[in-house]
């Protein structure tokens, strides 16, 4: 894994281990390397249940700017201050406002979620259960989108891909764009459109299938389910091919940025 100017950082799923750390022993975490690549502006990790949770966990909150989650597998019930209990299933994304008190009530033994936070270094504070209230008025809203509520649209540079916007741009006041990309019309094979983006940070996590991508001064590489790659601003790249079942999560900071075709 490398991280130098105008070189992509690529981490395959067998290149990083799950470790136990933090407040909860019922989860282990796989760091995707985004904190290092972004110089601490954003962190992304995979949270995986160590066992089926049937007892409520520790109430806590995070001191940060933004937190986004996408459920990759399994199901869970969480409860949030000012909201109450929320059922989470595969494909559900949710935005947690800063300082919202929350905890897990239960989760399946295969529950897996991607967690994205800004900044990368943030605080976690355990809360007294007596301070929890479903009627609390939050300064910022909690929002959630299930897979069924999401709409895929073809837009942008490539007609062979469609995008499901997760609604994060609105919740973060334009700080973050998060959408799921999927192949349209079957597998794609082509020369790719070379281009680059002018932004702060951009990374992609492959959810299923595979794709062949190429970055300037690097050989083409196949990214597949579990692969994460970070693209520095202005790095030239091309999308060369993908399987018919290709899906990936793409996150960009800020939400609005310029794309330059070459």
Protein backbone atom coordinates (compact mmCIF):
# COMPACT_ATOMS: atom_id res chain seq x y z
CA UNK A 1 0.00 0.00 0.00
CA UNK A 2 1.45 3.35 -1.00
CA UNK A 3 0.51 6.95 -0.49
CA UNK A 4 2.48 9.49 -2.50
CA UNK A 5 1.31 12.41 -4.56
CA UNK A 6 -0.67 11.36 -7.65
CA UNK A 7 -0.50 7.66 -6.89
CA UNK A 8 -3.59 5.70 -6.03
CA UNK A 9 -3.77 3.74 -2.77
CA UNK A 10 -5.29 0.28 -3.33
CA UNK A 11 -6.11 -2.15 -0.52
CA UNK A 12 -7.53 -5.58 -1.34
CA UNK A 13 -9.63 -7.45 1.20
CA UNK A 14 -6.81 -9.87 2.06
CA UNK A 15 -4.34 -7.07 2.79
CA UNK A 16 -5.85 -5.79 6.03
CA UNK A 17 -6.92 -7.61 9.19
CA UNK A 18 -9.97 -7.20 11.41
CA UNK A 19 -8.94 -6.18 14.92
CA UNK A 20 -10.81 -5.76 18.19
CA UNK A 21 -10.62 -2.29 19.71
CA UNK A 22 -12.70 0.53 21.10
CA UNK A 23 -15.83 0.55 23.22
CA UNK A 24 -17.51 -2.62 22.00
CA UNK A 25 -16.15 -6.17 22.22
CA UNK A 26 -18.93 -7.44 19.96
CA UNK A 27 -17.37 -5.72 16.91
CA UNK A 28 -14.03 -5.99 15.12
CA UNK A 29 -12.78 -3.42 12.63
CA UNK A 30 -10.92 -3.37 9.31
CA UNK A 31 -9.21 -0.05 8.60
CA UNK A 32 -9.39 0.72 4.86
CA UNK A 33 -6.37 3.04 4.89
CA UNK A 34 -8.33 6.17 4.00
CA UNK A 35 -7.27 8.10 7.10
CA UNK A 36 -3.62 7.88 6.09
CA UNK A 37 -4.30 8.57 2.42
CA UNK A 38 -6.39 11.66 3.22
CA UNK A 39 -4.00 13.05 5.84
CA UNK A 40 -6.64 12.55 8.52
CA UNK A 41 -9.53 14.32 6.81
CA UNK A 42 -11.72 11.20 6.70
CA UNK A 43 -11.68 7.61 7.94
CA UNK A 44 -13.43 4.54 6.54
CA UNK A 45 -13.59 1.15 8.17
CA UNK A 46 -15.57 -2.09 8.00
CA UNK A 47 -17.27 -3.02 11.28
CA UNK A 48 -18.08 -6.73 11.64
CA UNK A 49 -19.99 -8.45 14.43
CA UNK A 50 -17.99 -10.96 16.44
CA UNK A 51 -21.15 -12.73 17.57
CA UNK A 52 -24.92 -12.37 17.62
CA UNK A 53 -25.80 -9.54 19.98
CA UNK A 54 -28.94 -10.02 22.09
CA UNK A 55 -28.28 -7.56 24.91
CA UNK A 56 -28.23 -3.80 24.57
CA UNK A 57 -24.77 -2.30 24.27
CA UNK A 58 -23.24 0.81 25.80
CA UNK A 59 -24.94 4.14 25.15
CA UNK A 60 -22.39 6.58 23.71
CA UNK A 61 -21.82 9.45 21.31
CA UNK A 62 -19.04 10.63 19.03
CA UNK A 63 -17.44 14.06 18.94
CA UNK A 64 -16.91 14.63 15.21
CA UNK A 65 -18.25 16.50 12.20
CA UNK A 66 -20.02 13.78 10.18
CA UNK A 67 -20.72 10.05 10.42
CA UNK A 68 -22.19 7.84 7.70
CA UNK A 69 -22.93 4.11 7.72
CA UNK A 70 -23.86 1.65 4.99
CA UNK A 71 -25.08 -1.81 6.02
CA UNK A 72 -23.21 -4.37 3.92
CA UNK A 73 -24.65 -7.56 5.38
CA UNK A 74 -27.05 -8.85 8.02
CA UNK A 75 -29.43 -6.91 10.20
CA UNK A 76 -29.47 -4.98 13.46
CA UNK A 77 -31.60 -2.81 15.69
CA UNK A 78 -30.12 0.44 16.98
CA UNK A 79 -31.65 3.15 19.07
CA UNK A 80 -30.92 6.83 18.70
CA UNK A 81 -31.55 9.82 20.90
CA UNK A 82 -34.59 11.72 19.62
CA UNK A 83 -35.52 8.85 17.27
CA UNK A 84 -36.00 5.60 19.17
CA UNK A 85 -35.34 2.13 17.79
CA UNK A 86 -34.45 1.74 14.11
CA UNK A 87 -34.27 -1.54 12.14
CA UNK A 88 -31.28 -1.82 9.82
CA UNK A 89 -31.01 -4.30 6.94
CA UNK A 90 -28.60 -4.90 4.07
CA UNK A 91 -28.35 -1.88 1.78
CA UNK A 92 -29.55 0.64 4.36
CA UNK A 93 -27.52 3.82 4.71
CA UNK A 94 -27.88 6.32 7.53
CA UNK A 95 -26.43 9.64 8.57
CA UNK A 96 -25.78 10.26 12.27
CA UNK A 97 -25.55 13.91 13.33
CA UNK A 98 -22.69 14.90 15.66
CA UNK A 99 -23.09 14.06 19.35
CA UNK A 100 -26.25 11.95 18.92
CA UNK A 101 -26.46 9.32 21.66
CA UNK A 102 -26.91 5.82 20.30
CA UNK A 103 -26.35 2.12 20.93
CA UNK A 104 -26.97 -1.30 19.46
CA UNK A 105 -29.97 -3.18 20.82
CA UNK A 106 -29.26 -6.35 18.83
CA UNK A 107 -27.55 -7.56 15.68
CA UNK A 108 -27.19 -10.75 13.66
CA UNK A 109 -23.95 -12.69 13.82
CA UNK A 110 -23.15 -11.72 10.21
CA UNK A 111 -23.91 -8.01 10.64
CA UNK A 112 -21.35 -5.93 8.74
CA UNK A 113 -21.35 -2.21 8.07
CA UNK A 114 -19.08 0.40 6.57
CA UNK A 115 -18.51 3.41 8.80
CA UNK A 116 -17.22 6.73 7.43
CA UNK A 117 -16.33 9.62 9.75
CA UNK A 118 -14.82 13.09 9.51
CA UNK A 119 -12.30 13.88 10.77
CA UNK A 120 -10.39 10.60 11.07
CA UNK A 121 -9.38 11.33 14.66
CA UNK A 122 -12.51 11.78 16.77
CA UNK A 123 -13.65 11.15 20.31
CA UNK A 124 -16.09 8.58 21.69
CA UNK A 125 -17.80 9.27 25.00
CA UNK A 126 -19.84 6.75 26.98
CA UNK A 127 -23.18 8.11 28.24
CA UNK A 128 -25.36 7.39 31.25
CA UNK A 129 -28.48 5.48 30.18
CA UNK A 130 -30.54 7.85 32.34
CA UNK A 131 -29.72 10.69 29.92
CA UNK A 132 -31.28 8.93 26.91
CA UNK A 133 -34.60 10.23 25.62
CA UNK A 134 -36.56 9.49 22.46
CA UNK A 135 -38.15 12.94 22.67
CA UNK A 136 -34.90 14.90 22.64
CA UNK A 137 -34.75 17.71 20.10
CA UNK A 138 -31.64 17.30 17.96
CA UNK A 139 -29.93 20.34 16.39
CA UNK A 140 -29.22 18.26 13.26
CA UNK A 141 -31.46 15.54 11.75
CA UNK A 142 -30.92 11.79 11.65
CA UNK A 143 -31.64 10.39 8.18
CA UNK A 144 -31.90 6.91 6.73
CA UNK A 145 -32.38 5.37 3.27
CA UNK A 146 -33.15 1.71 2.60
CA UNK A 147 -32.08 -0.02 -0.60
CA UNK A 148 -35.72 0.01 -1.78
CA UNK A 149 -35.95 3.77 -1.29
CA UNK A 150 -32.84 4.46 -3.35
CA UNK A 151 -33.17 5.27 -7.06
CA UNK A 152 -30.46 4.43 -9.62
CA UNK A 153 -29.94 6.99 -12.38
CA UNK A 154 -27.56 7.11 -15.35
CA UNK A 155 -25.64 10.38 -15.30
CA UNK A 156 -22.19 11.81 -15.76
CA UNK A 157 -19.38 10.63 -18.01
CA UNK A 158 -20.35 6.98 -18.44
CA UNK A 159 -23.68 5.63 -19.73
CA UNK A 160 -22.79 2.05 -18.72
CA UNK A 161 -22.94 2.94 -15.00
CA UNK A 162 -25.83 4.16 -12.87
CA UNK A 163 -25.77 5.88 -9.49
CA UNK A 164 -27.87 5.68 -6.32
CA UNK A 165 -27.44 8.86 -4.32
CA UNK A 166 -27.50 8.18 -0.56
CA UNK A 167 -28.67 11.71 0.30
CA UNK A 168 -25.51 12.58 2.22
CA UNK A 169 -24.82 15.79 0.29
CA UNK A 170 -27.90 17.44 1.79
CA UNK A 171 -27.23 16.21 5.33
CA UNK A 172 -23.61 17.42 5.26
CA UNK A 173 -24.38 20.77 3.62
CA UNK A 174 -22.38 19.82 0.56
CA UNK A 175 -19.33 18.50 2.41
CA UNK A 176 -19.68 14.87 1.27
CA UNK A 177 -21.14 13.01 -1.69
CA UNK A 178 -21.85 9.29 -1.25
CA UNK A 179 -23.46 7.12 -3.89
CA UNK A 180 -23.59 3.50 -4.98
CA UNK A 181 -22.46 2.78 -8.53
CA UNK A 182 -23.64 -0.28 -10.46
CA UNK A 183 -23.17 -1.69 -13.94
CA UNK A 184 -25.99 -1.14 -16.43
CA UNK A 185 -26.72 -3.25 -19.49
CA UNK A 186 -24.45 -6.16 -18.64
CA UNK A 187 -20.68 -6.43 -18.44
CA UNK A 188 -18.62 -3.55 -19.88
CA UNK A 189 -15.41 -3.79 -21.90
CA UNK A 190 -13.86 -0.73 -23.52
CA UNK A 191 -10.94 1.64 -23.75
CA UNK A 192 -12.24 3.80 -20.91
CA UNK A 193 -12.55 7.57 -20.85
CA UNK A 194 -9.40 9.07 -19.37
CA UNK A 195 -10.25 11.92 -17.00
CA UNK A 196 -9.48 13.43 -13.61
CA UNK A 197 -11.33 15.17 -10.78
CA UNK A 198 -10.48 18.33 -8.89
CA UNK A 199 -11.55 17.75 -5.27
CA UNK A 200 -10.16 17.09 -1.80
CA UNK A 201 -10.70 13.35 -1.39
CA UNK A 202 -12.23 10.45 -3.30
CA UNK A 203 -12.37 6.75 -2.52
CA UNK A 204 -14.24 3.70 -3.79
CA UNK A 205 -15.13 0.45 -2.00
CA UNK A 206 -16.22 -2.45 -4.21
CA UNK A 207 -19.39 -4.10 -2.90
CA UNK A 208 -19.71 -6.93 -5.42
CA UNK A 209 -18.37 -8.06 -8.77
CA UNK A 210 -15.15 -6.67 -10.24
CA UNK A 211 -13.80 -3.84 -12.38
CA UNK A 212 -10.56 -3.08 -14.20
CA UNK A 213 -9.25 0.44 -13.60
CA UNK A 214 -6.03 2.20 -14.53
CA UNK A 215 -4.25 5.18 -13.02
CA UNK A 216 -1.57 7.27 -14.70
CA UNK A 217 1.93 5.78 -14.43
CA UNK A 218 0.44 2.50 -13.16
CA UNK A 219 -0.55 -0.78 -14.80
CA UNK A 220 -4.27 -1.68 -15.01
CA UNK A 221 -5.52 -3.33 -11.85
CA UNK A 222 -8.57 -5.49 -11.11
CA UNK A 223 -10.55 -4.39 -8.09
CA UNK A 224 -13.12 -6.81 -6.69
CA UNK A 225 -15.51 -7.18 -3.78
CA UNK A 226 -13.75 -5.97 -0.64
CA UNK A 227 -11.18 -3.83 -2.47
CA UNK A 228 -10.90 -0.16 -1.48
CA UNK A 229 -8.97 2.45 -3.46
CA UNK A 230 -8.23 6.11 -2.84
CA UNK A 231 -7.72 8.56 -5.71
CA UNK A 232 -5.76 11.76 -5.06
CA UNK A 233 -7.07 14.95 -6.62
CA UNK A 234 -6.15 15.35 -10.30
CA UNK A 235 -4.82 11.83 -10.79
CA UNK A 236 -5.64 10.72 -14.35
CA UNK A 237 -7.56 7.47 -14.51
CA UNK A 238 -9.82 5.32 -16.68
CA UNK A 239 -12.51 2.68 -16.10
CA UNK A 240 -11.66 -0.18 -18.49
CA UNK A 241 -14.08 -3.02 -17.76
CA UNK A 242 -16.50 -4.44 -15.21
CA UNK A 243 -18.62 -7.49 -14.51
CA UNK A 244 -22.36 -7.34 -15.03
CA UNK A 245 -22.92 -7.50 -11.25
CA UNK A 246 -20.43 -4.74 -10.40
CA UNK A 247 -21.45 -2.45 -7.52
CA UNK A 248 -19.33 -0.03 -5.51
CA UNK A 249 -19.66 2.75 -2.97
CA UNK A 250 -18.00 6.02 -4.00
CA UNK A 251 -17.37 8.86 -1.54
CA UNK A 252 -16.16 12.34 -2.58
CA UNK A 253 -15.25 15.45 -0.61
CA UNK A 254 -16.67 17.99 -1.31
CA UNK A 255 -19.94 16.94 -2.96
CA UNK A 256 -19.51 19.33 -5.88
CA UNK A 257 -16.29 19.05 -7.86
CA UNK A 258 -14.98 19.43 -11.39
CA UNK A 259 -14.36 16.52 -13.78
CA UNK A 260 -11.96 17.09 -16.66
CA UNK A 261 -12.08 14.73 -19.67
CA UNK A 262 -8.77 14.11 -21.42
